[in-house]
Amino acid sequence: MTAVAQAVGECRVVDLTVPPAMDRIGAEYEGYADTMNSDDVRTVRGQDLRRLLDSDLPDPTLVLVEGRVEVVPGDRESGGLEIVSRETLLRRAGRSEFTDTELEQQSAMLSAAVDNLGG
């Protein structure tokens, strides 16, 4: 039933029953909201660093292009903001193997650096 208002003297009675289609949209939104956590607002995520480490590209580099984090070859001609190369990540960390938790920690630091570039 759609929202129906019925005038009764000076009072108005309003039926706020949600139409089935709107209820379905609300459920989808709530499901989406439930999947979000603080990592979702990061520019760089641990999975991005895992893709960088596992890449077969020559000198893979993580770049930010139009709001997307991508792994590209180091000798690229395209634009984008360079975040970190695999070589630099490994050198700074002092190791070549990372747990998912360690990658999340590294991604948090890189995200903070990228996010603070604007001032």
Protein backbone atom coordinates (compact mmCIF):
# COMPACT_ATOMS: atom_id res chain seq x y z
CA MET A 1 0.00 0.00 0.00
CA THR A 2 1.26 3.48 -0.78
CA ALA A 3 1.39 6.23 1.79
CA VAL A 4 -2.12 7.55 2.22
CA ALA A 5 -3.18 10.61 4.16
CA GLN A 6 -6.75 10.96 5.31
CA ALA A 7 -8.10 14.22 6.72
CA VAL A 8 -10.15 13.76 9.88
CA GLY A 9 -11.21 17.16 11.19
CA GLU A 10 -8.08 18.93 12.40
CA CYS A 11 -6.09 15.67 12.62
CA ARG A 12 -4.39 13.87 9.79
CA VAL A 13 -3.99 10.11 9.84
CA VAL A 14 -1.03 8.96 7.76
CA ASP A 15 -0.37 5.38 6.68
CA LEU A 16 3.40 5.02 6.29
CA THR A 17 3.38 1.46 4.99
CA VAL A 18 6.44 0.98 2.80
CA PRO A 19 5.70 -0.22 -0.73
CA PRO A 20 7.26 -3.66 -1.49
CA ALA A 21 9.72 -2.22 -4.03
CA MET A 22 11.02 0.35 -1.54
CA ASP A 23 11.27 -2.31 1.15
CA ARG A 24 13.47 -4.40 -1.18
CA ILE A 25 15.73 -1.39 -1.88
CA GLY A 26 16.00 -0.72 1.85
CA ALA A 27 17.00 -4.32 2.52
CA GLU A 28 19.68 -4.14 -0.16
CA TYR A 29 21.01 -0.89 1.32
CA GLU A 30 21.06 -2.32 4.83
CA GLY A 31 22.90 -5.40 3.56
CA TYR A 32 25.47 -3.15 1.91
CA ALA A 33 25.90 -1.05 5.04
CA ASP A 34 26.44 -4.18 7.13
CA THR A 35 29.39 -5.19 4.96
CA MET A 36 31.20 -1.88 5.42
CA ASN A 37 33.96 -1.42 7.97
CA SER A 38 36.71 1.11 8.55
CA ASP A 39 38.90 -0.49 5.84
CA ASP A 40 36.35 0.44 3.19
CA VAL A 41 37.24 4.11 3.38
CA ARG A 42 40.92 3.52 2.70
CA THR A 43 42.43 4.48 -0.61
CA VAL A 44 44.79 1.48 -0.55
CA ARG A 45 43.77 -1.91 0.83
CA GLY A 46 45.73 -4.98 1.76
CA GLN A 47 44.38 -6.80 -1.27
CA ASP A 48 45.86 -4.08 -3.51
CA LEU A 49 49.29 -4.71 -1.98
CA ARG A 50 48.82 -8.46 -2.42
CA ARG A 51 48.09 -7.87 -6.13
CA LEU A 52 51.25 -5.75 -6.32
CA LEU A 53 53.38 -8.44 -4.70
CA ASP A 54 51.91 -11.24 -6.84
CA SER A 55 52.08 -9.32 -10.12
CA ASP A 56 53.94 -10.76 -13.12
CA LEU A 57 54.42 -7.28 -14.63
CA PRO A 58 57.94 -5.89 -14.99
CA ASP A 59 58.71 -3.67 -11.98
CA PRO A 60 55.04 -3.53 -10.87
CA THR A 61 53.90 -0.27 -9.35
CA LEU A 62 50.71 0.63 -7.49
CA VAL A 63 49.14 3.81 -8.88
CA LEU A 64 45.99 5.83 -8.25
CA VAL A 65 44.14 6.59 -11.48
CA GLU A 66 40.82 8.45 -11.36
CA GLY A 67 40.10 7.13 -7.87
CA ARG A 68 41.03 3.53 -8.69
CA VAL A 69 44.09 1.72 -7.38
CA GLU A 70 45.80 -0.21 -10.18
CA VAL A 71 48.95 -2.28 -10.63
CA VAL A 72 50.86 -1.18 -13.73
CA PRO A 73 54.33 -1.82 -15.20
CA GLY A 74 57.02 0.47 -13.82
CA ASP A 75 57.90 1.77 -17.27
CA ARG A 76 54.37 2.98 -17.93
CA GLU A 77 53.70 6.09 -19.98
CA SER A 78 50.21 6.65 -18.57
CA GLY A 79 49.26 9.12 -15.88
CA GLY A 80 48.26 8.49 -12.35
CA LEU A 81 49.75 9.05 -8.94
CA GLU A 82 52.44 6.53 -8.04
CA ILE A 83 51.74 5.10 -4.61
CA VAL A 84 54.51 2.51 -4.24
CA SER A 85 56.50 0.07 -6.35
CA ARG A 86 56.97 -3.54 -5.31
CA GLU A 87 60.70 -2.88 -4.95
CA THR A 88 60.12 0.05 -2.61
CA LEU A 89 57.55 -1.85 -0.53
CA LEU A 90 59.93 -4.78 -0.06
CA ARG A 91 62.88 -2.52 0.73
CA ARG A 92 60.97 -0.49 3.33
CA ALA A 93 59.53 -3.58 5.00
CA GLY A 94 62.83 -5.46 4.96
CA ARG A 95 61.19 -8.74 3.96
CA SER A 96 59.41 -10.42 1.06
CA GLU A 97 56.65 -12.39 2.81
CA PHE A 98 53.64 -10.71 4.43
CA THR A 99 50.58 -11.88 6.34
CA ASP A 100 47.23 -10.36 5.45
CA THR A 101 47.35 -8.38 8.70
CA GLU A 102 50.76 -6.95 7.83
CA LEU A 103 49.49 -5.92 4.40
CA GLU A 104 46.51 -4.19 6.01
CA GLN A 105 48.91 -2.28 8.27
CA GLN A 106 51.08 -1.27 5.31
CA SER A 107 47.98 -0.25 3.34
CA ALA A 108 46.78 1.94 6.21
CA MET A 109 50.08 3.84 6.20
CA LEU A 110 50.05 4.25 2.42
CA SER A 111 46.40 5.37 2.46
CA ALA A 112 47.18 8.01 5.08
CA ALA A 113 50.05 9.31 2.98
CA VAL A 114 47.89 9.49 -0.16
CA ASP A 115 44.94 11.03 1.66
CA ASN A 116 47.15 13.74 3.21
CA LEU A 117 48.59 14.88 -0.13
CA GLY A 118 45.74 17.35 -0.53
CA GLY A 119 46.73 19.20 2.62
